[in-house]
């Protein structure tokens, strides 16, 4: 049961890794190509209906892509790490981003950075890889919250979100 929750990241076979890279690359390209439609249908449904978009079809397609990405991640690296990387980096990026594209980029960079630092700490300190990645990701989130609060405390006006 514990190996199912933690996943066996280090012992992922080469074919599984290639399959994961191929599917995630295709999904990333797909999401970038249809970014406008997904954002329009997700955030401004009424405008999408007025523009004649097939809202139900775009929703179904988006949920299918998300389901495929999550199921592949859970199968290969385990649910704990998959959901940690889905939730924690976007929470940290949300503290500083006002636009959706910068939010996507910042959360991706924070997720990649926490993965690299977690791997380094796991290798050098002989820690388990999944929990090390999660701990680093949570530490980055706590740092982002502290930096944001510090900027607000100093009265930095550019840091405030619009109402």
Foldseek 3Di string as FASTA:
>chain_A
DVCLAQADQVPFDPVLVVVLVVLVVVLVVVCVVCVVVLCCLVPPVVVCVVVVHPSVVSVVVVVVSVVVNQVSCCVHGRNNLSVLLVPLLLLLLVQADDDPVSSVVRSVVLLVVLLVVLVVCCVVVVNDRRVSSSVSSVVSSVVSVVVSVVCVVVVPPVSDHDD
